[in-house]
Amino acid sequence: MSRDGLKVNKAPDDGTYEWTNPHTGEIIEVPKGIDPGWAYNPGKVAGGLVSPVPFGGEK
């Protein structure tokens, strides 16, 4: 990035809003402009779905 003359700025502080989880009723504050669906890491969740044993059985 520095080679191209670019730099990283701070994230804008646009405030937050309250969002209620329809399944649990939990109320959380979410930054404006961000969808509540981004509150978890999909890679970590998907990692738990991987089978520890190959589908052909143990070798």
C-alpha atoms as a PDB file:
ATOM      1  CA  MET A   1       0.000   0.000   0.000  1.00  0.00           C
ATOM      2  CA  SER A   2       2.743   2.447   0.906  1.00  0.00           C
ATOM      3  CA  ARG A   3       4.314   1.781  -2.502  1.00  0.00           C
ATOM      4  CA  ASP A   4       1.106   3.118  -4.067  1.00  0.00           C
ATOM      5  CA  GLY A   5       0.961   6.097  -1.704  1.00  0.00           C
ATOM      6  CA  LEU A   6      -2.047   4.718   0.187  1.00  0.00           C
ATOM      7  CA  LYS A   7      -2.548   4.578   3.949  1.00  0.00           C
ATOM      8  CA  VAL A   8      -5.069   3.083   6.356  1.00  0.00           C
ATOM      9  CA  ASN A   9      -7.336   5.539   8.168  1.00  0.00           C
ATOM     10  CA  LYS A  10      -9.315   5.056  11.369  1.00  0.00           C
ATOM     11  CA  ALA A  11     -12.819   3.662  11.061  1.00  0.00           C
ATOM     12  CA  PRO A  12     -15.514   6.358  11.033  1.00  0.00           C
ATOM     13  CA  ASP A  13     -17.426   6.877  14.268  1.00  0.00           C
ATOM     14  CA  ASP A  14     -20.994   7.076  12.961  1.00  0.00           C
ATOM     15  CA  GLY A  15     -22.520   5.912  16.237  1.00  0.00           C
ATOM     16  CA  THR A  16     -24.399   2.728  17.048  1.00  0.00           C
ATOM     17  CA  TYR A  17     -27.936   1.410  17.108  1.00  0.00           C
ATOM     18  CA  GLU A  18     -29.680  -1.235  19.194  1.00  0.00           C
ATOM     19  CA  TRP A  19     -30.603  -4.488  17.486  1.00  0.00           C
ATOM     20  CA  THR A  20     -32.778  -7.187  19.036  1.00  0.00           C
ATOM     21  CA  ASN A  21     -31.995 -10.792  18.179  1.00  0.00           C
ATOM     22  CA  PRO A  22     -35.363 -12.247  17.122  1.00  0.00           C
ATOM     23  CA  HIS A  23     -34.431 -15.736  18.357  1.00  0.00           C
ATOM     24  CA  THR A  24     -33.044 -14.926  21.807  1.00  0.00           C
ATOM     25  CA  GLY A  25     -34.413 -11.467  22.536  1.00  0.00           C
ATOM     26  CA  GLU A  26     -30.861 -10.285  23.318  1.00  0.00           C
ATOM     27  CA  ILE A  27     -30.286  -6.594  22.605  1.00  0.00           C
ATOM     28  CA  ILE A  28     -26.866  -5.595  21.287  1.00  0.00           C
ATOM     29  CA  GLU A  29     -25.327  -2.348  20.083  1.00  0.00           C
ATOM     30  CA  VAL A  30     -24.202  -2.487  16.473  1.00  0.00           C
ATOM     31  CA  PRO A  31     -22.125   0.166  14.664  1.00  0.00           C
ATOM     32  CA  LYS A  32     -24.188   2.098  12.119  1.00  0.00           C
ATOM     33  CA  GLY A  33     -23.516   0.833   8.619  1.00  0.00           C
ATOM     34  CA  ILE A  34     -22.722  -2.703   9.818  1.00  0.00           C
ATOM     35  CA  ASP A  35     -25.230  -5.539   9.526  1.00  0.00           C
ATOM     36  CA  PRO A  36     -25.624  -7.647  12.709  1.00  0.00           C
ATOM     37  CA  GLY A  37     -24.876 -10.742  10.620  1.00  0.00           C
ATOM     38  CA  TRP A  38     -21.178  -9.773  10.716  1.00  0.00           C
ATOM     39  CA  ALA A  39     -20.993 -10.406  14.470  1.00  0.00           C
ATOM     40  CA  TYR A  40     -19.212 -13.750  14.101  1.00  0.00           C
ATOM     41  CA  ASN A  41     -16.349 -15.277  12.150  1.00  0.00           C
ATOM     42  CA  PRO A  42     -17.776 -17.659   9.517  1.00  0.00           C
ATOM     43  CA  GLY A  43     -14.418 -19.423   9.216  1.00  0.00           C
ATOM     44  CA  LYS A  44     -14.434 -20.411  12.878  1.00  0.00           C
ATOM     45  CA  VAL A  45     -18.011 -21.664  12.669  1.00  0.00           C
ATOM     46  CA  ALA A  46     -17.321 -23.658   9.492  1.00  0.00           C
ATOM     47  CA  GLY A  47     -14.215 -25.168  11.099  1.00  0.00           C
ATOM     48  CA  GLY A  48     -16.424 -26.918  13.625  1.00  0.00           C
ATOM     49  CA  LEU A  49     -18.313 -28.617  10.805  1.00  0.00           C
ATOM     50  CA  VAL A  50     -15.269 -30.446   9.421  1.00  0.00           C
ATOM     51  CA  SER A  51     -15.266 -34.170  10.050  1.00  0.00           C
ATOM     52  CA  PRO A  52     -12.301 -35.244  12.221  1.00  0.00           C
ATOM     53  CA  VAL A  53     -12.301 -38.645  10.501  1.00  0.00           C
ATOM     54  CA  PRO A  54     -12.033 -38.982   6.705  1.00  0.00           C
ATOM     55  CA  PHE A  55     -15.285 -40.049   5.067  1.00  0.00           C
ATOM     56  CA  GLY A  56     -13.771 -43.390   4.093  1.00  0.00           C
ATOM     57  CA  GLY A  57     -13.210 -44.262   7.745  1.00  0.00           C
ATOM     58  CA  GLU A  58     -10.001 -44.315   9.748  1.00  0.00           C
ATOM     59  CA  LYS A  59      -6.846 -45.544   8.070  1.00  0.00           C
END
